[in-house]
Amino acid sequence: MADPQNGGTLKTTPPLAIGVAALFGGLTGWLVVVGARALGTSPPQVPGTAPVAVILLALAVGVLAWQTYVRIHRRRLRMDSQRAVSFLVLGKASALAGALVGGGYLVYALMFLARIDGESPRERVILSLVAVVGGVALCAAGMLLERACKVPKDDPDSETDSAKRDEPADSGD
């Protein structure tokens, strides 16, 4: 998406950025466990609301991605450029946050696999793995939202025309 006034562009999140976010999340998950053990305390429990919140957020972003895709690519409706940029930024943030959360909870779960026989480690592993699924879903939904914001290449009038906004691209009238 180009901003004709400022000459700037926004691009979809590259896979390398997602991988780096996942690595930083993993490093954070590792540091939480190692830091707690170094201080002689028990690593924190994973609250049951954490995976639920991540999954609900992924669902919300996924629904927004689907609605945006249908609006721009199927129904050929125009979208205000500010709204499209906001959706693109939300998609970017969701993709990176999902990777960060997924990586963090994955490493956190892996740190307790050796002692999965105990109740507390088992609960940590299960809830962490559910959060990993939510993080991956949030990352995927964010990437889909980013791609849904792209103007179709076959659209000859890719710039938003305020007079035609929210009308079909080919109204037949």
Protein backbone atom coordinates (compact mmCIF):
# COMPACT_ATOMS: atom_id res chain seq x y z
CA MET A 1 0.00 0.00 0.00
CA ALA A 2 1.45 3.34 -0.96
CA ASP A 3 0.58 6.65 0.61
CA PRO A 4 0.56 9.09 -2.32
CA GLN A 5 0.95 12.10 -0.05
CA ASN A 6 3.96 10.88 1.90
CA GLY A 7 5.41 8.48 -0.64
CA GLY A 8 5.72 5.73 2.01
CA THR A 9 4.84 2.10 1.58
CA LEU A 10 3.73 -0.65 3.90
CA LYS A 11 4.60 -4.22 3.08
CA THR A 12 3.47 -7.50 4.53
CA THR A 13 5.51 -8.96 7.35
CA PRO A 14 8.43 -11.01 6.02
CA PRO A 15 8.88 -14.58 7.26
CA LEU A 16 12.24 -13.64 8.77
CA ALA A 17 10.57 -11.14 11.10
CA ILE A 18 8.10 -13.79 12.20
CA GLY A 19 10.93 -16.23 12.84
CA VAL A 20 12.87 -13.66 14.85
CA ALA A 21 9.77 -12.87 16.93
CA ALA A 22 9.29 -16.59 17.62
CA LEU A 23 12.95 -16.89 18.66
CA PHE A 24 12.66 -13.93 21.02
CA GLY A 25 9.50 -15.45 22.47
CA GLY A 26 11.33 -18.73 22.96
CA LEU A 27 14.22 -16.95 24.63
CA THR A 28 11.78 -15.22 26.98
CA GLY A 29 10.09 -18.53 27.86
CA TRP A 30 13.48 -20.07 28.58
CA LEU A 31 14.58 -17.08 30.68
CA VAL A 32 11.42 -17.24 32.80
CA VAL A 33 12.07 -20.89 33.73
CA VAL A 34 15.83 -20.56 34.19
CA GLY A 35 15.47 -17.29 36.11
CA ALA A 36 12.89 -18.73 38.47
CA ARG A 37 15.06 -21.78 39.12
CA ALA A 38 18.13 -19.59 39.70
CA LEU A 39 16.19 -17.62 42.29
CA GLY A 40 15.12 -20.86 43.97
CA THR A 41 11.45 -20.37 43.21
CA SER A 42 8.96 -22.30 41.19
CA PRO A 43 8.33 -21.08 37.63
CA PRO A 44 4.91 -19.44 37.30
CA GLN A 45 1.85 -21.47 36.46
CA VAL A 46 0.19 -20.82 33.13
CA PRO A 47 -3.20 -19.27 33.84
CA GLY A 48 -6.10 -20.99 32.12
CA THR A 49 -7.24 -17.66 30.72
CA ALA A 50 -4.02 -17.09 28.74
CA PRO A 51 -4.64 -19.69 26.00
CA VAL A 52 -8.33 -18.76 25.86
CA ALA A 53 -7.51 -15.07 25.39
CA VAL A 54 -5.01 -15.79 22.62
CA ILE A 55 -7.46 -18.08 20.81
CA LEU A 56 -10.29 -15.53 21.08
CA LEU A 57 -8.00 -12.82 19.74
CA ALA A 58 -6.99 -15.09 16.86
CA LEU A 59 -10.66 -15.72 16.07
CA ALA A 60 -11.42 -11.98 16.09
CA VAL A 61 -8.52 -11.18 13.76
CA GLY A 62 -9.45 -14.13 11.55
CA VAL A 63 -13.05 -12.94 11.21
CA LEU A 64 -11.81 -9.44 10.37
CA ALA A 65 -9.45 -10.91 7.77
CA TRP A 66 -12.29 -12.86 6.16
CA GLN A 67 -14.61 -9.86 6.11
CA THR A 68 -11.88 -7.68 4.60
CA TYR A 69 -11.08 -10.29 1.97
CA VAL A 70 -14.72 -10.62 0.96
CA ARG A 71 -15.13 -6.85 0.81
CA ILE A 72 -12.05 -6.11 -1.30
CA HIS A 73 -11.55 -9.25 -3.39
CA ARG A 74 -14.99 -10.78 -3.86
CA ARG A 75 -17.45 -7.91 -3.72
CA ARG A 76 -14.90 -5.43 -5.16
CA LEU A 77 -15.85 -2.69 -2.71
CA ARG A 78 -13.50 0.16 -2.02
CA MET A 79 -12.11 0.70 1.46
CA ASP A 80 -11.01 3.95 3.01
CA SER A 81 -7.22 4.11 2.85
CA GLN A 82 -6.89 4.95 6.55
CA ARG A 83 -8.98 1.92 7.50
CA ALA A 84 -6.96 -0.32 5.19
CA VAL A 85 -3.70 0.89 6.71
CA SER A 86 -5.11 0.36 10.21
CA PHE A 87 -6.10 -3.19 9.30
CA LEU A 88 -2.66 -3.80 7.79
CA VAL A 89 -0.96 -2.58 10.96
CA LEU A 90 -3.28 -4.76 13.08
CA GLY A 91 -2.40 -7.72 10.88
CA LYS A 92 1.31 -7.02 11.26
CA ALA A 93 1.03 -6.68 15.03
CA SER A 94 -1.05 -9.85 15.28
CA ALA A 95 1.38 -11.86 13.18
CA LEU A 96 4.37 -10.77 15.26
CA ALA A 97 2.56 -11.11 18.60
CA GLY A 98 1.30 -14.57 17.66
CA ALA A 99 4.82 -15.69 16.78
CA LEU A 100 6.18 -14.21 20.00
CA VAL A 101 3.50 -15.89 22.15
CA GLY A 102 3.76 -19.18 20.29
CA GLY A 103 7.55 -19.32 20.60
CA GLY A 104 7.49 -18.36 24.27
CA TYR A 105 4.92 -20.92 25.31
CA LEU A 106 6.51 -23.63 23.17
CA VAL A 107 9.86 -23.33 24.92
CA TYR A 108 8.11 -23.00 28.28
CA ALA A 109 6.29 -26.29 27.61
CA LEU A 110 9.48 -28.02 26.42
CA MET A 111 11.24 -27.06 29.65
CA PHE A 112 8.73 -29.20 31.63
CA LEU A 113 8.50 -32.22 29.33
CA ALA A 114 11.14 -34.15 31.26
CA ARG A 115 9.02 -33.96 34.42
CA ILE A 116 5.58 -34.38 32.87
CA ASP A 117 4.64 -37.14 35.38
CA GLY A 118 3.93 -34.55 38.08
CA GLU A 119 0.58 -32.74 38.11
CA SER A 120 1.97 -29.22 38.05
CA PRO A 121 4.37 -29.79 35.12
CA ARG A 122 1.66 -31.65 33.18
CA GLU A 123 -0.73 -28.73 33.61
CA ARG A 124 1.98 -26.30 32.52
CA VAL A 125 2.73 -28.37 29.40
CA ILE A 126 -0.92 -28.79 28.39
CA LEU A 127 -1.88 -25.14 28.88
CA SER A 128 1.33 -23.98 27.21
CA LEU A 129 0.70 -26.18 24.17
CA VAL A 130 -2.85 -24.85 23.88
CA ALA A 131 -1.39 -21.33 24.01
CA VAL A 132 1.09 -22.32 21.28
CA VAL A 133 -1.82 -23.35 19.06
CA GLY A 134 -3.47 -20.00 19.82
CA GLY A 135 -0.25 -18.13 19.04
CA VAL A 136 0.15 -19.90 15.72
CA ALA A 137 -3.51 -19.18 14.91
CA LEU A 138 -3.04 -15.50 15.80
CA CYS A 139 0.06 -15.32 13.63
CA ALA A 140 -1.76 -16.94 10.70
CA ALA A 141 -4.83 -14.71 11.14
CA GLY A 142 -2.60 -11.63 11.20
CA MET A 143 -0.85 -12.70 8.01
CA LEU A 144 -4.21 -13.36 6.35
CA LEU A 145 -5.45 -9.90 7.38
CA GLU A 146 -2.34 -8.34 5.88
CA ARG A 147 -2.91 -10.14 2.60
CA ALA A 148 -6.63 -9.32 2.59
CA CYS A 149 -5.76 -5.62 2.61
CA LYS A 150 -3.89 -5.86 -0.70
CA VAL A 151 -5.69 -4.25 -3.62
CA PRO A 152 -6.23 -6.78 -6.43
CA LYS A 153 -3.72 -6.42 -9.26
CA ASP A 154 -6.45 -6.44 -11.91
CA ASP A 155 -8.15 -3.40 -10.34
CA PRO A 156 -7.47 -0.49 -12.76
CA ASP A 157 -8.55 2.07 -10.17
CA SER A 158 -6.51 0.92 -7.19
CA GLU A 159 -6.53 4.33 -5.53
CA THR A 160 -9.45 4.99 -3.21
CA ASP A 161 -11.92 7.35 -4.82
CA SER A 162 -14.03 9.06 -2.18
CA ALA A 163 -16.97 9.38 -4.60
CA LYS A 164 -17.01 5.60 -5.20
CA ARG A 165 -16.19 4.47 -1.68
CA ASP A 166 -18.33 1.60 -0.39
CA GLU A 167 -19.79 0.99 -3.85
CA PRO A 168 -19.11 -2.08 -5.99
CA ALA A 169 -16.19 -1.69 -8.40
CA ASP A 170 -18.46 -2.62 -11.31
CA SER A 171 -21.95 -1.46 -10.40
CA GLY A 172 -23.39 -1.96 -13.91
CA ASP A 173 -25.18 1.42 -13.81
